[in-house]
PDB file of all heavy atoms in Angstrom:
ATOM      1  N   MET A   1      -0.860 -14.424  -0.274  1.00  0.00           N
ATOM      2  CA  MET A   1      -1.195 -13.951  -1.618  1.00  0.00           C
ATOM      3  C   MET A   1      -2.060 -12.696  -1.545  1.00  0.00           C
ATOM      4  O   MET A   1      -1.822 -11.709  -2.252  1.00  0.00           O
ATOM      5  CB  MET A   1      -1.921 -15.047  -2.390  1.00  0.00           C
ATOM      6  CG  MET A   1      -2.304 -14.648  -3.811  1.00  0.00           C
ATOM      7  SD  MET A   1      -3.086 -15.996  -4.747  1.00  0.00           S
ATOM      8  CE  MET A   1      -4.657 -16.110  -3.890  1.00  0.00           C
ATOM      9  N   GLU A   2      -3.066 -12.738  -0.669  1.00  0.00           N
ATOM     10  CA  GLU A   2      -3.948 -11.584  -0.531  1.00  0.00           C
ATOM     11  C   GLU A   2      -3.207 -10.394   0.075  1.00  0.00           C
ATOM     12  O   GLU A   2      -3.380  -9.258  -0.369  1.00  0.00           O
ATOM     13  CB  GLU A   2      -5.156 -11.949   0.338  1.00  0.00           C
ATOM     14  CG  GLU A   2      -6.100 -12.943  -0.324  1.00  0.00           C
ATOM     15  CD  GLU A   2      -7.272 -13.284   0.574  1.00  0.00           C
ATOM     16  OE1 GLU A   2      -7.643 -12.449   1.412  1.00  0.00           O
ATOM     17  OE2 GLU A   2      -7.823 -14.397   0.440  1.00  0.00           O
ATOM     18  N   TYR A   3      -2.386 -10.663   1.093  1.00  0.00           N
ATOM     19  CA  TYR A   3      -1.681  -9.556   1.739  1.00  0.00           C
ATOM     20  C   TYR A   3      -0.742  -8.850   0.762  1.00  0.00           C
ATOM     21  O   TYR A   3      -0.765  -7.622   0.657  1.00  0.00           O
ATOM     22  CB  TYR A   3      -0.886 -10.058   2.944  1.00  0.00           C
ATOM     23  CG  TYR A   3      -0.155  -8.935   3.661  1.00  0.00           C
ATOM     24  CD1 TYR A   3      -0.838  -8.112   4.562  1.00  0.00           C
ATOM     25  CD2 TYR A   3       1.185  -8.668   3.410  1.00  0.00           C
ATOM     26  CE1 TYR A   3      -0.192  -7.063   5.196  1.00  0.00           C
ATOM     27  CE2 TYR A   3       1.837  -7.620   4.051  1.00  0.00           C
ATOM     28  CZ  TYR A   3       1.148  -6.823   4.942  1.00  0.00           C
ATOM     29  OH  TYR A   3       1.790  -5.784   5.567  1.00  0.00           O
ATOM     30  N   ASP A   4       0.065  -9.605   0.043  1.00  0.00           N
ATOM     31  CA  ASP A   4       0.998  -8.981  -0.898  1.00  0.00           C
ATOM     32  C   ASP A   4       0.259  -8.271  -2.023  1.00  0.00           C
ATOM     33  O   ASP A   4       0.681  -7.203  -2.482  1.00  0.00           O
ATOM     34  CB  ASP A   4       1.935 -10.044  -1.486  1.00  0.00           C
ATOM     35  CG  ASP A   4       3.069 -10.395  -0.533  1.00  0.00           C
ATOM     36  OD1 ASP A   4       3.206  -9.719   0.500  1.00  0.00           O
ATOM     37  OD2 ASP A   4       3.804 -11.359  -0.814  1.00  0.00           O
ATOM     38  N   GLY A   5      -0.869  -8.870  -2.479  1.00  0.00           N
ATOM     39  CA  GLY A   5      -1.656  -8.212  -3.518  1.00  0.00           C
ATOM     40  C   GLY A   5      -2.249  -6.894  -3.045  1.00  0.00           C
ATOM     41  O   GLY A   5      -2.227  -5.883  -3.766  1.00  0.00           O
ATOM     42  N   MET A   6      -2.771  -6.883  -1.806  1.00  0.00           N
ATOM     43  CA  MET A   6      -3.344  -5.643  -1.265  1.00  0.00           C
ATOM     44  C   MET A   6      -2.276  -4.582  -1.042  1.00  0.00           C
ATOM     45  O   MET A   6      -2.496  -3.400  -1.319  1.00  0.00           O
ATOM     46  CB  MET A   6      -4.071  -5.943   0.050  1.00  0.00           C
ATOM     47  CG  MET A   6      -5.336  -6.757  -0.102  1.00  0.00           C
ATOM     48  SD  MET A   6      -6.132  -7.066   1.502  1.00  0.00           S
ATOM     49  CE  MET A   6      -7.210  -8.423   1.079  1.00  0.00           C
ATOM     50  N   ARG A   7      -1.111  -4.989  -0.525  1.00  0.00           N
ATOM     51  CA  ARG A   7      -0.032  -4.021  -0.320  1.00  0.00           C
ATOM     52  C   ARG A   7       0.408  -3.411  -1.644  1.00  0.00           C
ATOM     53  O   ARG A   7       0.741  -2.217  -1.726  1.00  0.00           O
ATOM     54  CB  ARG A   7       1.162  -4.685   0.370  1.00  0.00           C
ATOM     55  CG  ARG A   7       0.977  -4.986   1.844  1.00  0.00           C
ATOM     56  CD  ARG A   7       0.708  -3.752   2.691  1.00  0.00           C
ATOM     57  NE  ARG A   7       1.745  -2.769   2.651  1.00  0.00           N
ATOM     58  CZ  ARG A   7       2.724  -2.640   3.549  1.00  0.00           C
ATOM     59  NH1 ARG A   7       2.810  -3.511   4.543  1.00  0.00           N
ATOM     60  NH2 ARG A   7       3.601  -1.662   3.466  1.00  0.00           N
ATOM     61  N   HIS A   8       0.407  -4.228  -2.711  1.00  0.00           N
ATOM     62  CA  HIS A   8       0.750  -3.707  -4.037  1.00  0.00           C
ATOM     63  C   HIS A   8      -0.277  -2.676  -4.494  1.00  0.00           C
ATOM     64  O   HIS A   8       0.084  -1.607  -5.000  1.00  0.00           O
ATOM     65  CB  HIS A   8       0.823  -4.863  -5.044  1.00  0.00           C
ATOM     66  CG  HIS A   8       1.161  -4.432  -6.440  1.00  0.00           C
ATOM     67  ND1 HIS A   8       2.451  -4.235  -6.880  1.00  0.00           N
ATOM     68  CD2 HIS A   8       0.355  -4.143  -7.504  1.00  0.00           C
ATOM     69  CE1 HIS A   8       2.448  -3.849  -8.142  1.00  0.00           C
ATOM     70  NE2 HIS A   8       1.179  -3.790  -8.549  1.00  0.00           N
ATOM     71  N   LEU A   9      -1.565  -3.001  -4.299  1.00  0.00           N
ATOM     72  CA  LEU A   9      -2.616  -2.073  -4.696  1.00  0.00           C
ATOM     73  C   LEU A   9      -2.576  -0.780  -3.895  1.00  0.00           C
ATOM     74  O   LEU A   9      -2.945   0.292  -4.407  1.00  0.00           O
ATOM     75  CB  LEU A   9      -3.986  -2.738  -4.530  1.00  0.00           C
ATOM     76  CG  LEU A   9      -4.350  -3.844  -5.517  1.00  0.00           C
ATOM     77  CD1 LEU A   9      -5.674  -4.492  -5.110  1.00  0.00           C
ATOM     78  CD2 LEU A   9      -4.445  -3.290  -6.938  1.00  0.00           C
ATOM     79  N   LEU A  10      -2.139  -0.870  -2.641  1.00  0.00           N
ATOM     80  CA  LEU A  10      -2.125   0.306  -1.776  1.00  0.00           C
ATOM     81  C   LEU A  10      -0.780   1.027  -1.782  1.00  0.00           C
ATOM     82  O   LEU A  10      -0.489   1.815  -0.886  1.00  0.00           O
ATOM     83  CB  LEU A  10      -2.501  -0.083  -0.348  1.00  0.00           C
ATOM     84  CG  LEU A  10      -3.948  -0.552  -0.158  1.00  0.00           C
ATOM     85  CD1 LEU A  10      -4.255  -0.828   1.302  1.00  0.00           C
ATOM     86  CD2 LEU A  10      -4.937   0.471  -0.716  1.00  0.00           C
ATOM     87  N   GLY A  11       0.037   0.743  -2.783  1.00  0.00           N
ATOM     88  CA  GLY A  11       1.198   1.606  -3.030  1.00  0.00           C
ATOM     89  C   GLY A  11       2.541   1.144  -2.516  1.00  0.00           C
ATOM     90  O   GLY A  11       3.464   1.961  -2.442  1.00  0.00           O
ATOM     91  N   ARG A  12       2.681  -0.146  -2.165  1.00  0.00           N
ATOM     92  CA  ARG A  12       4.005  -0.572  -1.731  1.00  0.00           C
ATOM     93  C   ARG A  12       4.940  -0.620  -2.929  1.00  0.00           C
ATOM     94  O   ARG A  12       4.601  -1.143  -3.982  1.00  0.00           O
ATOM     95  CB  ARG A  12       3.970  -1.946  -1.056  1.00  0.00           C
ATOM     96  CG  ARG A  12       5.342  -2.344  -0.496  1.00  0.00           C
ATOM     97  CD  ARG A  12       5.279  -3.453   0.517  1.00  0.00           C
ATOM     98  NE  ARG A  12       4.832  -4.716  -0.065  1.00  0.00           N
ATOM     99  CZ  ARG A  12       4.741  -5.847   0.645  1.00  0.00           C
ATOM    100  NH1 ARG A  12       5.034  -5.856   1.929  1.00  0.00           N
ATOM    101  NH2 ARG A  12       4.319  -6.958   0.060  1.00  0.00           N
ATOM    102  N   LEU A  13       6.140  -0.094  -2.758  1.00  0.00           N
ATOM    103  CA  LEU A  13       7.123  -0.007  -3.829  1.00  0.00           C
ATOM    104  C   LEU A  13       7.883  -1.326  -3.966  1.00  0.00           C
ATOM    105  O   LEU A  13       7.902  -2.144  -3.034  1.00  0.00           O
ATOM    106  CB  LEU A  13       8.102   1.132  -3.538  1.00  0.00           C
ATOM    107  CG  LEU A  13       7.458   2.520  -3.317  1.00  0.00           C
ATOM    108  CD1 LEU A  13       8.519   3.534  -2.908  1.00  0.00           C
ATOM    109  CD2 LEU A  13       6.714   2.981  -4.567  1.00  0.00           C
ATOM    110  N   PRO A  14       8.520  -1.581  -5.117  1.00  0.00           N
ATOM    111  CA  PRO A  14       9.308  -2.811  -5.288  1.00  0.00           C
ATOM    112  C   PRO A  14      10.394  -2.976  -4.230  1.00  0.00           C
ATOM    113  O   PRO A  14      10.777  -4.099  -3.902  1.00  0.00           O
ATOM    114  CB  PRO A  14       9.919  -2.640  -6.687  1.00  0.00           C
ATOM    115  CG  PRO A  14       8.977  -1.723  -7.404  1.00  0.00           C
ATOM    116  CD  PRO A  14       8.459  -0.793  -6.362  1.00  0.00           C
ATOM    117  N   SER A  15      10.878  -1.884  -3.662  1.00  0.00           N
ATOM    118  CA  SER A  15      11.902  -1.947  -2.625  1.00  0.00           C
ATOM    119  C   SER A  15      11.342  -2.443  -1.295  1.00  0.00           C
ATOM    120  O   SER A  15      12.093  -2.780  -0.382  1.00  0.00           O
ATOM    121  CB  SER A  15      12.525  -0.564  -2.416  1.00  0.00           C
ATOM    122  OG  SER A  15      11.539   0.362  -1.968  1.00  0.00           O
ATOM    123  N   GLY A  16       9.998  -2.489  -1.171  1.00  0.00           N
ATOM    124  CA  GLY A  16       9.361  -2.906   0.065  1.00  0.00           C
ATOM    125  C   GLY A  16       8.866  -1.745   0.905  1.00  0.00           C
ATOM    126  O   GLY A  16       8.125  -1.938   1.869  1.00  0.00           O
ATOM    127  N   GLU A  17       9.275  -0.540   0.565  1.00  0.00           N
ATOM    128  CA  GLU A  17       8.831   0.638   1.301  1.00  0.00           C
ATOM    129  C   GLU A  17       7.433   1.038   0.858  1.00  0.00           C
ATOM    130  O   GLU A  17       6.995   0.737  -0.255  1.00  0.00           O
ATOM    131  CB  GLU A  17       9.806   1.798   1.069  1.00  0.00           C
ATOM    132  CG  GLU A  17      11.215   1.521   1.589  1.00  0.00           C
ATOM    133  CD  GLU A  17      12.155   2.683   1.315  1.00  0.00           C
ATOM    134  OE1 GLU A  17      11.732   3.641   0.632  1.00  0.00           O
ATOM    135  OE2 GLU A  17      13.303   2.627   1.765  1.00  0.00           O
ATOM    136  N   GLN A  18       6.729   1.734   1.752  1.00  0.00           N
ATOM    137  CA  GLN A  18       5.367   2.160   1.457  1.00  0.00           C
ATOM    138  C   GLN A  18       5.382   3.481   0.705  1.00  0.00           C
ATOM    139  O   GLN A  18       5.937   4.473   1.174  1.00  0.00           O
ATOM    140  CB  GLN A  18       4.564   2.316   2.756  1.00  0.00           C
ATOM    141  CG  GLN A  18       3.136   2.800   2.558  1.00  0.00           C
ATOM    142  CD  GLN A  18       2.299   1.824   1.743  1.00  0.00           C
ATOM    143  OE1 GLN A  18       2.346   0.629   1.938  1.00  0.00           O
ATOM    144  NE2 GLN A  18       1.526   2.356   0.802  1.00  0.00           N
ATOM    145  N   GLY A  19       4.776   3.487  -0.475  1.00  0.00           N
ATOM    146  CA  GLY A  19       4.646   4.708  -1.248  1.00  0.00           C
ATOM    147  C   GLY A  19       3.311   5.381  -0.972  1.00  0.00           C
ATOM    148  O   GLY A  19       2.599   5.017  -0.029  1.00  0.00           O
ATOM    149  N   PRO A  20       2.935   6.366  -1.767  1.00  0.00           N
ATOM    150  CA  PRO A  20       1.651   7.055  -1.585  1.00  0.00           C
ATOM    151  C   PRO A  20       0.481   6.088  -1.790  1.00  0.00           C
ATOM    152  O   PRO A  20       0.517   5.235  -2.675  1.00  0.00           O
ATOM    153  CB  PRO A  20       1.667   8.142  -2.671  1.00  0.00           C
ATOM    154  CG  PRO A  20       3.097   8.288  -3.057  1.00  0.00           C
ATOM    155  CD  PRO A  20       3.727   6.959  -2.870  1.00  0.00           C
ATOM    156  N   THR A  21      -0.535   6.216  -0.973  1.00  0.00           N
ATOM    157  CA  THR A  21      -1.723   5.376  -1.131  1.00  0.00           C
ATOM    158  C   THR A  21      -2.565   5.890  -2.289  1.00  0.00           C
ATOM    159  O   THR A  21      -2.530   7.081  -2.613  1.00  0.00           O
ATOM    160  CB  THR A  21      -2.563   5.368   0.156  1.00  0.00           C
ATOM    161  OG1 THR A  21      -2.879   6.704   0.523  1.00  0.00           O
ATOM    162  CG2 THR A  21      -1.793   4.710   1.292  1.00  0.00           C
ATOM    163  N   PRO A  22      -3.350   5.026  -2.933  1.00  0.00           N
ATOM    164  CA  PRO A  22      -4.154   5.460  -4.091  1.00  0.00           C
ATOM    165  C   PRO A  22      -5.268   6.413  -3.689  1.00  0.00           C
ATOM    166  O   PRO A  22      -5.683   6.473  -2.531  1.00  0.00           O
ATOM    167  CB  PRO A  22      -4.708   4.145  -4.630  1.00  0.00           C
ATOM    168  CG  PRO A  22      -4.709   3.219  -3.465  1.00  0.00           C
ATOM    169  CD  PRO A  22      -3.510   3.589  -2.644  1.00  0.00           C
ATOM    170  N   ALA A  23      -5.770   7.126  -4.679  1.00  0.00           N
ATOM    171  CA  ALA A  23      -6.807   8.128  -4.429  1.00  0.00           C
ATOM    172  C   ALA A  23      -8.104   7.497  -3.946  1.00  0.00           C
ATOM    173  O   ALA A  23      -8.871   8.128  -3.208  1.00  0.00           O
ATOM    174  CB  ALA A  23      -7.062   8.936  -5.698  1.00  0.00           C
ATOM    175  N   TRP A  24      -8.363   6.219  -4.325  1.00  0.00           N
ATOM    176  CA  TRP A  24      -9.630   5.594  -3.931  1.00  0.00           C
ATOM    177  C   TRP A  24      -9.620   5.107  -2.481  1.00  0.00           C
ATOM    178  O   TRP A  24     -10.649   4.717  -1.949  1.00  0.00           O
ATOM    179  CB  TRP A  24      -9.974   4.437  -4.869  1.00  0.00           C
ATOM    180  CG  TRP A  24      -8.878   3.442  -5.085  1.00  0.00           C
ATOM    181  CD1 TRP A  24      -7.928   3.467  -6.065  1.00  0.00           C
ATOM    182  CD2 TRP A  24      -8.614   2.274  -4.298  1.00  0.00           C
ATOM    183  NE1 TRP A  24      -7.074   2.385  -5.947  1.00  0.00           N
ATOM    184  CE2 TRP A  24      -7.481   1.636  -4.876  1.00  0.00           C
ATOM    185  CE3 TRP A  24      -9.220   1.695  -3.185  1.00  0.00           C
ATOM    186  CZ2 TRP A  24      -6.941   0.459  -4.366  1.00  0.00           C
ATOM    187  CZ3 TRP A  24      -8.692   0.519  -2.666  1.00  0.00           C
ATOM    188  CH2 TRP A  24      -7.566  -0.082  -3.255  1.00  0.00           C
ATOM    189  N   LEU A  25      -8.448   5.128  -1.825  1.00  0.00           N
ATOM    190  CA  LEU A  25      -8.388   4.787  -0.405  1.00  0.00           C
ATOM    191  C   LEU A  25      -7.302   5.649   0.246  1.00  0.00           C
ATOM    192  O   LEU A  25      -6.217   5.173   0.572  1.00  0.00           O
ATOM    193  CB  LEU A  25      -8.072   3.297  -0.204  1.00  0.00           C
ATOM    194  CG  LEU A  25      -8.223   2.764   1.237  1.00  0.00           C
ATOM    195  CD1 LEU A  25      -9.664   2.913   1.717  1.00  0.00           C
ATOM    196  CD2 LEU A  25      -7.778   1.314   1.326  1.00  0.00           C
ATOM    197  N   PRO A  26      -7.616   6.915   0.454  1.00  0.00           N
ATOM    198  CA  PRO A  26      -6.597   7.847   0.972  1.00  0.00           C
ATOM    199  C   PRO A  26      -6.409   7.729   2.486  1.00  0.00           C
ATOM    200  O   PRO A  26      -6.827   8.598   3.258  1.00  0.00           O
ATOM    201  CB  PRO A  26      -7.163   9.216   0.583  1.00  0.00           C
ATOM    202  CG  PRO A  26      -8.642   9.021   0.606  1.00  0.00           C
ATOM    203  CD  PRO A  26      -8.883   7.590   0.171  1.00  0.00           C
ATOM    204  N   ILE A  27      -5.790   6.651   2.927  1.00  0.00           N
ATOM    205  CA  ILE A  27      -5.533   6.468   4.352  1.00  0.00           C
ATOM    206  C   ILE A  27      -4.071   6.768   4.650  1.00  0.00           C
ATOM    207  O   ILE A  27      -3.228   6.819   3.751  1.00  0.00           O
ATOM    208  CB  ILE A  27      -5.865   5.028   4.807  1.00  0.00           C
ATOM    209  CG1 ILE A  27      -5.007   4.008   4.045  1.00  0.00           C
ATOM    210  CG2 ILE A  27      -7.338   4.733   4.614  1.00  0.00           C
ATOM    211  CD1 ILE A  27      -5.190   2.580   4.510  1.00  0.00           C
ATOM    212  N   HIS A  28      -3.784   6.996   5.922  1.00  0.00           N
ATOM    213  CA  HIS A  28      -2.400   7.269   6.313  1.00  0.00           C
ATOM    214  C   HIS A  28      -1.543   6.015   6.082  1.00  0.00           C
ATOM    215  O   HIS A  28      -2.007   4.886   6.272  1.00  0.00           O
ATOM    216  CB  HIS A  28      -2.348   7.678   7.783  1.00  0.00           C
ATOM    217  CG  HIS A  28      -1.037   8.279   8.182  1.00  0.00           C
ATOM    218  ND1 HIS A  28       0.052   7.521   8.560  1.00  0.00           N
ATOM    219  CD2 HIS A  28      -0.642   9.585   8.242  1.00  0.00           C
ATOM    220  CE1 HIS A  28       1.062   8.316   8.846  1.00  0.00           C
ATOM    221  NE2 HIS A  28       0.665   9.590   8.670  1.00  0.00           N
ATOM    222  N   ALA A  29      -0.311   6.232   5.691  1.00  0.00           N
ATOM    223  CA  ALA A  29       0.572   5.107   5.369  1.00  0.00           C
ATOM    224  C   ALA A  29       0.750   4.155   6.544  1.00  0.00           C
ATOM    225  O   ALA A  29       0.915   2.941   6.353  1.00  0.00           O
ATOM    226  CB  ALA A  29       1.928   5.640   4.912  1.00  0.00           C
ATOM    227  N   SER A  30       0.682   4.655   7.768  1.00  0.00           N
ATOM    228  CA  SER A  30       0.879   3.800   8.941  1.00  0.00           C
ATOM    229  C   SER A  30      -0.269   2.814   9.146  1.00  0.00           C
ATOM    230  O   SER A  30      -0.126   1.815   9.860  1.00  0.00           O
ATOM    231  CB  SER A  30       1.049   4.660  10.198  1.00  0.00           C
ATOM    232  OG  SER A  30      -0.123   5.430  10.441  1.00  0.00           O
ATOM    233  N   LEU A  31      -1.438   3.101   8.541  1.00  0.00           N
ATOM    234  CA  LEU A  31      -2.597   2.219   8.679  1.00  0.00           C
ATOM    235  C   LEU A  31      -2.638   1.117   7.626  1.00  0.00           C
ATOM    236  O   LEU A  31      -3.434   0.183   7.748  1.00  0.00           O
ATOM    237  CB  LEU A  31      -3.892   3.039   8.603  1.00  0.00           C
ATOM    238  CG  LEU A  31      -4.144   4.045   9.728  1.00  0.00           C
ATOM    239  CD1 LEU A  31      -5.417   4.828   9.449  1.00  0.00           C
ATOM    240  CD2 LEU A  31      -4.246   3.333  11.069  1.00  0.00           C
ATOM    241  N   VAL A  32      -1.801   1.229   6.607  1.00  0.00           N
ATOM    242  CA  VAL A  32      -1.832   0.257   5.508  1.00  0.00           C
ATOM    243  C   VAL A  32      -1.575  -1.169   5.988  1.00  0.00           C
ATOM    244  O   VAL A  32      -2.319  -2.092   5.619  1.00  0.00           O
ATOM    245  CB  VAL A  32      -0.835   0.659   4.400  1.00  0.00           C
ATOM    246  CG1 VAL A  32      -0.710  -0.456   3.355  1.00  0.00           C
ATOM    247  CG2 VAL A  32      -1.288   1.945   3.732  1.00  0.00           C
ATOM    248  N   PRO A  33      -0.545  -1.434   6.818  1.00  0.00           N
ATOM    249  CA  PRO A  33      -0.334  -2.814   7.286  1.00  0.00           C
ATOM    250  C   PRO A  33      -1.528  -3.376   8.046  1.00  0.00           C
ATOM    251  O   PRO A  33      -1.879  -4.549   7.869  1.00  0.00           O
ATOM    252  CB  PRO A  33       0.899  -2.694   8.197  1.00  0.00           C
ATOM    253  CG  PRO A  33       1.606  -1.478   7.735  1.00  0.00           C
ATOM    254  CD  PRO A  33       0.527  -0.538   7.300  1.00  0.00           C
TER     255      PRO A  33
END
């Protein structure tokens, strides 16, 4: 529950691909997982 919620907040798209990260946590997409 926490993992999916965090991935949603950090820009994961409905397709499952990683989108742009939000401005409040501008980290590289590869670090999101």
